[in-house]
């Protein structure tokens, strides 16, 4: 948890002993994830790799206490590597761009009725020359159904999604 981490500025009243004991857990989890991604990319060979996270965290006051939360935290990360992608930083990307990016990389038509368009600035000039981004009007729509059919479970799931900051 971030309140114990050496990455946080505020340990929310936790003892120095606990911070010392647990402070490296988050950083070690990041290091392990980095090693696993590196190993996967190494074994995968020449190809396109996309690494994303949907959000960061910020210290904020909720009700009468402070907590690390992602509701108003910074945007997540987008890192891409491989023959399809160019060099440099990509500004103004959101989670909504992931689907059109993946469709374009795989050569599938990108529907024009989705929230985000293909951010062509992230692709290498060679990729764009060899792979035209094709669009279609829509893939159609589906009716959303309750996940389980059990209203108590669905209500609990909605509460959890709200608590995580995914729903208002």
N, C-alpha and C. Protein backbone atom coordinates (compact mmCIF):
# COMPACT_ATOMS: atom_id res chain seq x y z
N UNK A 1 0.84 -1.18 0.00
CA UNK A 1 0.00 0.00 0.00
C UNK A 1 0.88 1.23 0.00
N UNK A 2 0.42 2.25 -0.71
CA UNK A 2 1.25 3.43 -0.92
C UNK A 2 1.57 4.19 0.36
N UNK A 3 0.73 4.12 1.36
CA UNK A 3 1.04 4.88 2.57
C UNK A 3 2.28 4.36 3.30
N UNK A 4 2.67 3.13 3.01
CA UNK A 4 3.90 2.59 3.58
C UNK A 4 5.11 2.81 2.67
N UNK A 5 4.86 3.10 1.42
CA UNK A 5 5.91 3.10 0.40
C UNK A 5 6.86 4.29 0.53
N UNK A 6 8.12 4.03 0.17
CA UNK A 6 9.09 5.11 0.10
C UNK A 6 8.78 6.05 -1.05
N UNK A 7 7.86 5.66 -1.93
CA UNK A 7 7.46 6.51 -3.04
C UNK A 7 6.50 7.62 -2.60
N UNK A 8 5.84 7.42 -1.47
CA UNK A 8 4.88 8.41 -0.97
C UNK A 8 5.54 9.43 -0.06
N UNK A 9 4.99 10.64 -0.06
CA UNK A 9 5.50 11.70 0.81
C UNK A 9 4.85 11.66 2.20
N UNK A 10 3.66 11.12 2.28
CA UNK A 10 2.91 11.11 3.53
C UNK A 10 2.60 9.66 3.87
N UNK A 11 3.04 9.22 5.03
CA UNK A 11 2.82 7.84 5.44
C UNK A 11 1.58 7.68 6.31
N UNK A 12 0.76 8.74 6.35
CA UNK A 12 -0.57 8.71 6.98
C UNK A 12 -0.53 8.19 8.41
N UNK A 13 0.49 8.58 9.13
CA UNK A 13 0.57 8.24 10.55
C UNK A 13 1.12 6.86 10.86
N UNK A 14 1.54 6.11 9.86
CA UNK A 14 2.11 4.79 10.12
C UNK A 14 3.49 4.96 10.76
N UNK A 15 3.85 4.03 11.60
CA UNK A 15 5.11 4.13 12.34
C UNK A 15 6.31 4.00 11.39
N UNK A 16 7.43 4.59 11.80
CA UNK A 16 8.66 4.49 11.03
C UNK A 16 9.07 3.02 10.87
N UNK A 17 8.79 2.22 11.91
CA UNK A 17 9.11 0.79 11.84
C UNK A 17 8.32 0.10 10.72
N UNK A 18 7.01 0.40 10.64
CA UNK A 18 6.19 -0.19 9.58
C UNK A 18 6.61 0.31 8.21
N UNK A 19 6.91 1.60 8.11
CA UNK A 19 7.36 2.15 6.82
C UNK A 19 8.66 1.49 6.40
N UNK A 20 9.56 1.29 7.35
CA UNK A 20 10.83 0.62 7.05
C UNK A 20 10.60 -0.82 6.64
N UNK A 21 9.68 -1.47 7.33
CA UNK A 21 9.41 -2.89 7.08
C UNK A 21 8.72 -3.12 5.74
N UNK A 22 7.74 -2.28 5.40
CA UNK A 22 6.93 -2.50 4.21
C UNK A 22 7.22 -1.52 3.07
N UNK A 23 8.09 -0.55 3.32
CA UNK A 23 8.30 0.56 2.39
C UNK A 23 8.76 0.18 1.01
N UNK A 24 9.45 -0.93 0.85
CA UNK A 24 9.95 -1.32 -0.46
C UNK A 24 9.02 -2.22 -1.26
N UNK A 25 7.86 -2.56 -0.70
CA UNK A 25 6.98 -3.53 -1.36
C UNK A 25 6.48 -3.03 -2.72
N UNK A 26 6.04 -1.78 -2.79
CA UNK A 26 5.50 -1.25 -4.05
C UNK A 26 6.62 -1.16 -5.09
N UNK A 27 7.77 -0.61 -4.68
CA UNK A 27 8.89 -0.51 -5.61
C UNK A 27 9.34 -1.88 -6.09
N UNK A 28 9.37 -2.86 -5.21
CA UNK A 28 9.77 -4.21 -5.60
C UNK A 28 8.74 -4.80 -6.57
N UNK A 29 7.47 -4.55 -6.35
CA UNK A 29 6.44 -5.02 -7.28
C UNK A 29 6.66 -4.39 -8.66
N UNK A 30 7.00 -3.10 -8.71
CA UNK A 30 7.31 -2.44 -9.99
C UNK A 30 8.53 -3.08 -10.64
N UNK A 31 9.56 -3.36 -9.85
CA UNK A 31 10.77 -3.97 -10.40
C UNK A 31 10.47 -5.36 -10.96
N UNK A 32 9.67 -6.13 -10.24
CA UNK A 32 9.30 -7.48 -10.71
C UNK A 32 8.50 -7.39 -12.01
N UNK A 33 7.54 -6.47 -12.06
CA UNK A 33 6.74 -6.30 -13.28
C UNK A 33 7.64 -5.89 -14.44
N UNK A 34 8.59 -5.00 -14.18
CA UNK A 34 9.52 -4.57 -15.22
C UNK A 34 10.35 -5.75 -15.73
N UNK A 35 10.81 -6.60 -14.81
CA UNK A 35 11.59 -7.77 -15.22
C UNK A 35 10.75 -8.71 -16.08
N UNK A 36 9.51 -8.95 -15.67
CA UNK A 36 8.63 -9.85 -16.41
C UNK A 36 8.35 -9.30 -17.81
N UNK A 37 8.04 -8.01 -17.90
CA UNK A 37 7.80 -7.39 -19.21
C UNK A 37 9.05 -7.50 -20.07
N UNK A 38 10.21 -7.20 -19.50
CA UNK A 38 11.46 -7.31 -20.25
C UNK A 38 11.70 -8.72 -20.76
N UNK A 39 11.44 -9.70 -19.92
CA UNK A 39 11.63 -11.09 -20.33
C UNK A 39 10.65 -11.48 -21.43
N UNK A 40 9.40 -11.05 -21.30
CA UNK A 40 8.41 -11.37 -22.34
C UNK A 40 8.80 -10.74 -23.67
N UNK A 41 9.21 -9.48 -23.64
CA UNK A 41 9.61 -8.80 -24.87
C UNK A 41 10.82 -9.49 -25.48
N UNK A 42 11.78 -9.87 -24.65
CA UNK A 42 12.98 -10.55 -25.13
C UNK A 42 12.62 -11.88 -25.79
N UNK A 43 11.74 -12.63 -25.19
CA UNK A 43 11.35 -13.94 -25.74
C UNK A 43 10.44 -13.78 -26.97
N UNK A 44 9.67 -12.73 -26.99
CA UNK A 44 8.72 -12.51 -28.08
C UNK A 44 9.45 -12.19 -29.38
N UNK A 45 10.53 -11.46 -29.29
CA UNK A 45 11.28 -11.10 -30.49
C UNK A 45 10.72 -9.85 -31.14
N UNK A 46 11.00 -9.69 -32.42
CA UNK A 46 10.58 -8.50 -33.16
C UNK A 46 9.05 -8.45 -33.23
N UNK A 47 8.50 -7.45 -32.67
CA UNK A 47 7.05 -7.29 -32.68
C UNK A 47 6.67 -6.00 -32.00
N UNK A 48 5.40 -5.73 -31.98
CA UNK A 48 4.88 -4.53 -31.34
C UNK A 48 4.40 -4.86 -29.94
N UNK A 49 4.81 -4.04 -29.00
CA UNK A 49 4.45 -4.23 -27.60
C UNK A 49 3.86 -2.92 -27.08
N UNK A 50 2.73 -3.04 -26.39
CA UNK A 50 2.09 -1.88 -25.77
C UNK A 50 1.95 -2.16 -24.29
N UNK A 51 2.39 -1.23 -23.47
CA UNK A 51 2.27 -1.33 -22.02
C UNK A 51 1.46 -0.13 -21.55
N UNK A 52 0.38 -0.39 -20.83
CA UNK A 52 -0.48 0.71 -20.37
C UNK A 52 -0.86 0.54 -18.91
N UNK A 53 -1.17 1.65 -18.27
CA UNK A 53 -1.86 1.64 -16.99
C UNK A 53 -2.95 2.70 -17.09
N UNK A 54 -4.03 2.50 -16.40
CA UNK A 54 -5.15 3.42 -16.58
C UNK A 54 -5.09 4.65 -15.70
N UNK A 55 -4.26 4.65 -14.66
CA UNK A 55 -4.21 5.82 -13.79
C UNK A 55 -3.03 5.74 -12.85
N UNK A 56 -2.74 6.89 -12.27
CA UNK A 56 -1.76 6.96 -11.18
C UNK A 56 -2.51 7.24 -9.89
N UNK A 57 -1.80 7.61 -8.86
CA UNK A 57 -2.40 7.87 -7.55
C UNK A 57 -2.02 9.25 -7.05
N UNK A 58 -2.87 9.80 -6.21
CA UNK A 58 -2.60 11.08 -5.57
C UNK A 58 -3.13 11.00 -4.14
N UNK A 59 -2.50 11.74 -3.25
CA UNK A 59 -2.96 11.81 -1.87
C UNK A 59 -4.09 12.82 -1.81
N UNK A 60 -5.25 12.40 -1.32
CA UNK A 60 -6.39 13.32 -1.24
C UNK A 60 -7.20 13.05 0.02
N UNK A 61 -7.97 14.04 0.39
CA UNK A 61 -8.81 13.92 1.56
C UNK A 61 -10.17 13.37 1.13
N UNK A 62 -10.57 12.27 1.75
CA UNK A 62 -11.88 11.69 1.51
C UNK A 62 -12.61 11.64 2.84
N UNK A 63 -13.74 12.26 2.85
CA UNK A 63 -14.50 12.41 4.08
C UNK A 63 -13.61 13.05 5.14
N UNK A 64 -13.28 12.36 6.22
CA UNK A 64 -12.49 12.99 7.29
C UNK A 64 -11.07 12.47 7.37
N UNK A 65 -10.63 11.75 6.35
CA UNK A 65 -9.27 11.22 6.41
C UNK A 65 -8.58 11.35 5.05
N UNK A 66 -7.26 11.34 5.10
CA UNK A 66 -6.49 11.36 3.86
C UNK A 66 -6.24 9.92 3.42
N UNK A 67 -6.17 9.74 2.09
CA UNK A 67 -5.88 8.42 1.54
C UNK A 67 -5.27 8.58 0.16
N UNK A 68 -4.55 7.57 -0.27
CA UNK A 68 -4.05 7.57 -1.64
C UNK A 68 -5.17 7.03 -2.52
N UNK A 69 -5.50 7.78 -3.55
CA UNK A 69 -6.62 7.43 -4.40
C UNK A 69 -6.26 7.75 -5.84
N UNK A 70 -6.98 7.19 -6.76
CA UNK A 70 -6.71 7.48 -8.16
C UNK A 70 -7.81 8.31 -8.81
N UNK A 71 -8.86 8.62 -8.09
CA UNK A 71 -9.98 9.37 -8.67
C UNK A 71 -9.55 10.65 -9.35
N UNK A 72 -8.73 11.45 -8.69
CA UNK A 72 -8.26 12.69 -9.29
C UNK A 72 -6.75 12.62 -9.55
N UNK A 73 -6.24 11.40 -9.57
CA UNK A 73 -4.81 11.20 -9.78
C UNK A 73 -4.39 11.46 -11.21
N UNK A 74 -3.11 11.37 -11.45
CA UNK A 74 -2.60 11.62 -12.80
C UNK A 74 -3.03 10.53 -13.77
N UNK A 75 -2.96 10.85 -15.03
CA UNK A 75 -3.26 9.87 -16.06
C UNK A 75 -2.27 8.72 -15.96
N UNK A 76 -2.62 7.63 -16.58
CA UNK A 76 -1.74 6.47 -16.57
C UNK A 76 -0.60 6.63 -17.56
N UNK A 77 -0.01 5.52 -17.93
CA UNK A 77 1.11 5.57 -18.86
C UNK A 77 0.77 4.80 -20.12
N UNK A 78 1.42 5.16 -21.19
CA UNK A 78 1.34 4.45 -22.45
C UNK A 78 2.77 4.35 -22.97
N UNK A 79 3.25 3.14 -23.10
CA UNK A 79 4.59 2.90 -23.64
C UNK A 79 4.42 1.89 -24.77
N UNK A 80 4.97 2.21 -25.93
CA UNK A 80 4.87 1.31 -27.08
C UNK A 80 6.23 1.16 -27.72
N UNK A 81 6.50 -0.04 -28.18
CA UNK A 81 7.78 -0.33 -28.83
C UNK A 81 7.53 -1.32 -29.94
N UNK A 82 8.32 -1.21 -30.98
CA UNK A 82 8.22 -2.15 -32.08
C UNK A 82 8.18 -1.44 -33.41
N UNK A 83 8.13 -2.21 -34.49
CA UNK A 83 8.22 -1.63 -35.83
C UNK A 83 7.08 -0.67 -36.19
N UNK A 84 5.94 -0.78 -35.55
CA UNK A 84 4.81 0.10 -35.88
C UNK A 84 4.97 1.49 -35.27
N UNK A 85 5.78 1.62 -34.24
CA UNK A 85 5.78 2.85 -33.46
C UNK A 85 7.00 3.73 -33.71
N UNK A 86 6.76 5.04 -33.67
CA UNK A 86 7.82 6.02 -33.82
C UNK A 86 8.46 6.33 -32.48
N UNK A 87 9.37 7.28 -32.49
CA UNK A 87 10.08 7.72 -31.28
C UNK A 87 9.40 8.95 -30.70
N UNK A 88 9.60 9.18 -29.42
CA UNK A 88 9.14 10.42 -28.80
C UNK A 88 7.95 10.22 -27.89
N UNK A 89 7.50 11.34 -27.34
CA UNK A 89 6.38 11.31 -26.41
C UNK A 89 5.07 11.54 -27.14
N UNK A 90 4.03 10.90 -26.68
CA UNK A 90 2.69 11.07 -27.24
C UNK A 90 1.84 11.81 -26.23
N UNK A 91 1.33 12.92 -26.62
CA UNK A 91 0.50 13.73 -25.72
C UNK A 91 -0.98 13.42 -25.93
N UNK A 92 -1.74 13.65 -24.89
CA UNK A 92 -3.21 13.60 -24.96
C UNK A 92 -3.78 12.22 -25.30
N UNK A 93 -3.12 11.15 -24.90
CA UNK A 93 -3.69 9.83 -25.09
C UNK A 93 -4.53 9.47 -23.87
N UNK A 94 -5.56 8.68 -24.10
CA UNK A 94 -6.39 8.19 -23.00
C UNK A 94 -6.64 6.70 -23.23
N UNK A 95 -7.31 6.09 -22.28
CA UNK A 95 -7.66 4.68 -22.44
C UNK A 95 -8.51 4.45 -23.68
N UNK A 96 -9.26 5.47 -24.10
CA UNK A 96 -10.11 5.33 -25.27
C UNK A 96 -9.31 5.16 -26.55
N UNK A 97 -8.04 5.53 -26.54
CA UNK A 97 -7.20 5.39 -27.73
C UNK A 97 -6.65 3.97 -27.91
N UNK A 98 -6.70 3.15 -26.88
CA UNK A 98 -6.08 1.82 -26.95
C UNK A 98 -6.74 0.95 -28.01
N UNK A 99 -8.06 0.92 -28.05
CA UNK A 99 -8.75 0.10 -29.05
C UNK A 99 -8.40 0.53 -30.47
N UNK A 100 -8.53 1.82 -30.83
CA UNK A 100 -8.17 2.17 -32.20
C UNK A 100 -6.69 1.93 -32.53
N UNK A 101 -5.81 2.10 -31.55
CA UNK A 101 -4.39 1.81 -31.79
C UNK A 101 -4.21 0.33 -32.11
N UNK A 102 -4.80 -0.53 -31.29
CA UNK A 102 -4.63 -1.97 -31.49
C UNK A 102 -5.26 -2.42 -32.80
N UNK A 103 -6.42 -1.88 -33.15
CA UNK A 103 -7.05 -2.23 -34.43
C UNK A 103 -6.16 -1.81 -35.60
N UNK A 104 -5.60 -0.61 -35.52
CA UNK A 104 -4.74 -0.12 -36.60
C UNK A 104 -3.48 -0.98 -36.73
N UNK A 105 -2.87 -1.32 -35.60
CA UNK A 105 -1.65 -2.14 -35.63
C UNK A 105 -1.93 -3.50 -36.27
N UNK A 106 -3.09 -4.07 -35.98
CA UNK A 106 -3.43 -5.39 -36.52
C UNK A 106 -4.04 -5.33 -37.91
N UNK A 107 -4.23 -4.11 -38.45
CA UNK A 107 -4.77 -3.98 -39.79
C UNK A 107 -6.27 -4.14 -39.88
N UNK A 108 -6.95 -4.02 -38.76
CA UNK A 108 -8.42 -4.13 -38.74
C UNK A 108 -9.04 -2.74 -38.95
N UNK A 109 -10.21 -2.70 -39.57
CA UNK A 109 -10.88 -1.40 -39.73
C UNK A 109 -11.21 -0.79 -38.37
N UNK A 110 -11.07 0.52 -38.29
CA UNK A 110 -11.35 1.26 -37.06
C UNK A 110 -12.71 1.94 -37.22
N UNK A 111 -13.67 1.64 -36.34
CA UNK A 111 -14.99 2.27 -36.48
C UNK A 111 -14.94 3.76 -36.15
N UNK A 112 -15.72 4.54 -36.88
CA UNK A 112 -15.74 5.98 -36.67
C UNK A 112 -16.71 6.37 -35.56
N UNK A 113 -17.50 5.41 -35.06
CA UNK A 113 -18.48 5.75 -34.02
C UNK A 113 -17.97 5.49 -32.60
N UNK A 114 -16.66 5.36 -32.43
CA UNK A 114 -16.09 5.19 -31.09
C UNK A 114 -15.55 6.53 -30.61
N UNK A 115 -15.25 6.61 -29.32
CA UNK A 115 -14.88 7.87 -28.68
C UNK A 115 -13.62 8.49 -29.26
N UNK A 116 -12.58 7.69 -29.43
CA UNK A 116 -11.27 8.23 -29.84
C UNK A 116 -10.91 7.77 -31.25
N UNK A 117 -10.15 8.58 -31.91
CA UNK A 117 -9.65 8.25 -33.24
C UNK A 117 -8.23 7.71 -33.12
N UNK A 118 -7.72 7.18 -34.21
CA UNK A 118 -6.36 6.64 -34.22
C UNK A 118 -5.37 7.81 -34.12
N UNK A 119 -4.53 7.81 -33.07
CA UNK A 119 -3.52 8.87 -32.95
C UNK A 119 -2.31 8.55 -33.84
N UNK A 120 -2.41 8.90 -35.10
CA UNK A 120 -1.39 8.49 -36.07
C UNK A 120 0.00 9.01 -35.75
N UNK A 121 0.10 10.04 -34.91
CA UNK A 121 1.41 10.60 -34.57
C UNK A 121 2.28 9.62 -33.80
N UNK A 122 1.71 8.56 -33.24
CA UNK A 122 2.52 7.60 -32.48
C UNK A 122 3.19 6.56 -33.38
N UNK A 123 2.72 6.46 -34.63
CA UNK A 123 3.24 5.44 -35.53
C UNK A 123 4.47 5.94 -36.29
N UNK A 124 5.31 5.00 -36.69
CA UNK A 124 6.48 5.36 -37.50
C UNK A 124 5.99 5.72 -38.91
N UNK A 125 6.72 6.61 -39.59
CA UNK A 125 6.34 6.95 -40.97
C UNK A 125 6.31 5.71 -41.87
N UNK A 126 7.24 4.78 -41.65
CA UNK A 126 7.28 3.55 -42.45
C UNK A 126 6.01 2.72 -42.26
N UNK A 127 5.56 2.62 -41.01
CA UNK A 127 4.33 1.87 -40.74
C UNK A 127 3.15 2.51 -41.45
N UNK A 128 3.03 3.82 -41.35
CA UNK A 128 1.89 4.51 -41.98
C UNK A 128 1.94 4.41 -43.50
N UNK A 129 3.14 4.37 -44.08
CA UNK A 129 3.28 4.22 -45.52
C UNK A 129 2.82 2.83 -45.97
N UNK A 130 3.19 1.82 -45.18
CA UNK A 130 2.89 0.44 -45.55
C UNK A 130 1.52 -0.05 -45.08
N UNK A 131 0.93 0.63 -44.10
CA UNK A 131 -0.33 0.16 -43.51
C UNK A 131 -1.32 1.32 -43.43
N UNK A 132 -2.16 1.44 -44.42
CA UNK A 132 -3.18 2.49 -44.40
C UNK A 132 -4.17 2.21 -43.27
N UNK A 133 -4.52 3.24 -42.51
CA UNK A 133 -5.53 3.08 -41.47
C UNK A 133 -6.89 3.12 -42.15
N UNK A 134 -7.59 2.00 -42.10
CA UNK A 134 -8.89 1.85 -42.74
C UNK A 134 -9.97 2.08 -41.70
N UNK A 135 -11.02 2.81 -42.08
CA UNK A 135 -12.12 3.03 -41.16
C UNK A 135 -13.41 2.44 -41.71
N UNK A 136 -14.32 2.13 -40.80
CA UNK A 136 -15.68 1.74 -41.15
C UNK A 136 -16.61 2.55 -40.27
N UNK A 137 -17.86 2.61 -40.65
CA UNK A 137 -18.81 3.42 -39.88
C UNK A 137 -19.01 2.85 -38.48
N UNK A 138 -19.22 1.55 -38.38
CA UNK A 138 -19.53 0.96 -37.07
C UNK A 138 -19.42 -0.55 -37.15
N UNK A 139 -19.16 -1.15 -36.00
CA UNK A 139 -19.27 -2.59 -35.87
C UNK A 139 -20.65 -2.98 -35.33
N UNK A 140 -21.51 -2.00 -35.10
CA UNK A 140 -22.83 -2.25 -34.55
C UNK A 140 -22.83 -2.06 -33.05
N UNK A 141 -23.97 -2.32 -32.45
CA UNK A 141 -24.11 -2.17 -31.00
C UNK A 141 -24.67 -3.44 -30.39
N UNK A 142 -24.48 -3.57 -29.10
CA UNK A 142 -25.07 -4.68 -28.36
C UNK A 142 -25.78 -4.11 -27.14
N UNK A 143 -26.75 -4.80 -26.67
CA UNK A 143 -27.42 -4.41 -25.44
C UNK A 143 -26.59 -4.89 -24.26
N UNK A 144 -26.31 -3.99 -23.34
CA UNK A 144 -25.59 -4.38 -22.14
C UNK A 144 -26.54 -5.11 -21.21
N UNK A 145 -26.11 -6.21 -20.68
CA UNK A 145 -26.91 -6.99 -19.75
C UNK A 145 -26.21 -7.00 -18.40
N UNK A 146 -26.98 -7.24 -17.37
CA UNK A 146 -26.38 -7.37 -16.05
C UNK A 146 -25.42 -8.55 -16.05
N UNK A 147 -24.34 -8.39 -15.33
CA UNK A 147 -23.27 -9.38 -15.37
C UNK A 147 -23.69 -10.74 -14.85
N UNK A 148 -24.49 -10.80 -13.81
CA UNK A 148 -24.76 -12.09 -13.18
C UNK A 148 -26.23 -12.48 -13.17
N UNK A 149 -27.11 -11.53 -13.32
CA UNK A 149 -28.53 -11.83 -13.17
C UNK A 149 -28.97 -11.80 -11.71
N UNK A 150 -28.03 -11.67 -10.79
CA UNK A 150 -28.31 -11.59 -9.36
C UNK A 150 -28.19 -10.13 -8.95
N UNK A 151 -29.31 -9.47 -8.66
CA UNK A 151 -29.29 -8.03 -8.40
C UNK A 151 -28.44 -7.67 -7.18
N UNK A 152 -28.37 -8.54 -6.17
CA UNK A 152 -27.55 -8.25 -5.00
C UNK A 152 -26.06 -8.23 -5.38
N UNK A 153 -25.66 -9.17 -6.21
CA UNK A 153 -24.27 -9.23 -6.66
C UNK A 153 -23.97 -8.03 -7.54
N UNK A 154 -24.90 -7.70 -8.46
CA UNK A 154 -24.70 -6.56 -9.35
C UNK A 154 -24.60 -5.26 -8.56
N UNK A 155 -25.43 -5.10 -7.53
CA UNK A 155 -25.37 -3.90 -6.70
C UNK A 155 -24.03 -3.80 -5.97
N UNK A 156 -23.55 -4.92 -5.45
CA UNK A 156 -22.26 -4.95 -4.78
C UNK A 156 -21.13 -4.61 -5.76
N UNK A 157 -21.22 -5.16 -6.99
CA UNK A 157 -20.21 -4.86 -8.00
C UNK A 157 -20.21 -3.36 -8.32
N UNK A 158 -21.38 -2.75 -8.43
CA UNK A 158 -21.46 -1.32 -8.72
C UNK A 158 -20.85 -0.50 -7.58
N UNK A 159 -21.09 -0.91 -6.34
CA UNK A 159 -20.49 -0.22 -5.19
C UNK A 159 -18.97 -0.30 -5.24
N UNK A 160 -18.46 -1.47 -5.59
CA UNK A 160 -17.01 -1.64 -5.68
C UNK A 160 -16.42 -0.78 -6.79
N UNK A 161 -17.09 -0.75 -7.94
CA UNK A 161 -16.59 0.09 -9.04
C UNK A 161 -16.61 1.57 -8.66
N UNK A 162 -17.64 1.99 -7.94
CA UNK A 162 -17.71 3.38 -7.45
C UNK A 162 -16.57 3.66 -6.47
N UNK A 163 -16.32 2.74 -5.56
CA UNK A 163 -15.27 2.91 -4.56
C UNK A 163 -13.90 3.00 -5.23
N UNK A 164 -13.72 2.29 -6.33
CA UNK A 164 -12.46 2.34 -7.06
C UNK A 164 -12.32 3.58 -7.92
N UNK A 165 -13.42 4.33 -8.06
CA UNK A 165 -13.36 5.57 -8.84
C UNK A 165 -13.72 5.40 -10.31
N UNK A 166 -14.20 4.24 -10.69
CA UNK A 166 -14.55 4.01 -12.09
C UNK A 166 -15.93 4.56 -12.44
N UNK A 167 -16.79 4.74 -11.43
CA UNK A 167 -18.13 5.27 -11.66
C UNK A 167 -18.37 6.45 -10.74
N UNK A 168 -19.16 7.39 -11.20
CA UNK A 168 -19.52 8.54 -10.36
C UNK A 168 -20.83 8.30 -9.66
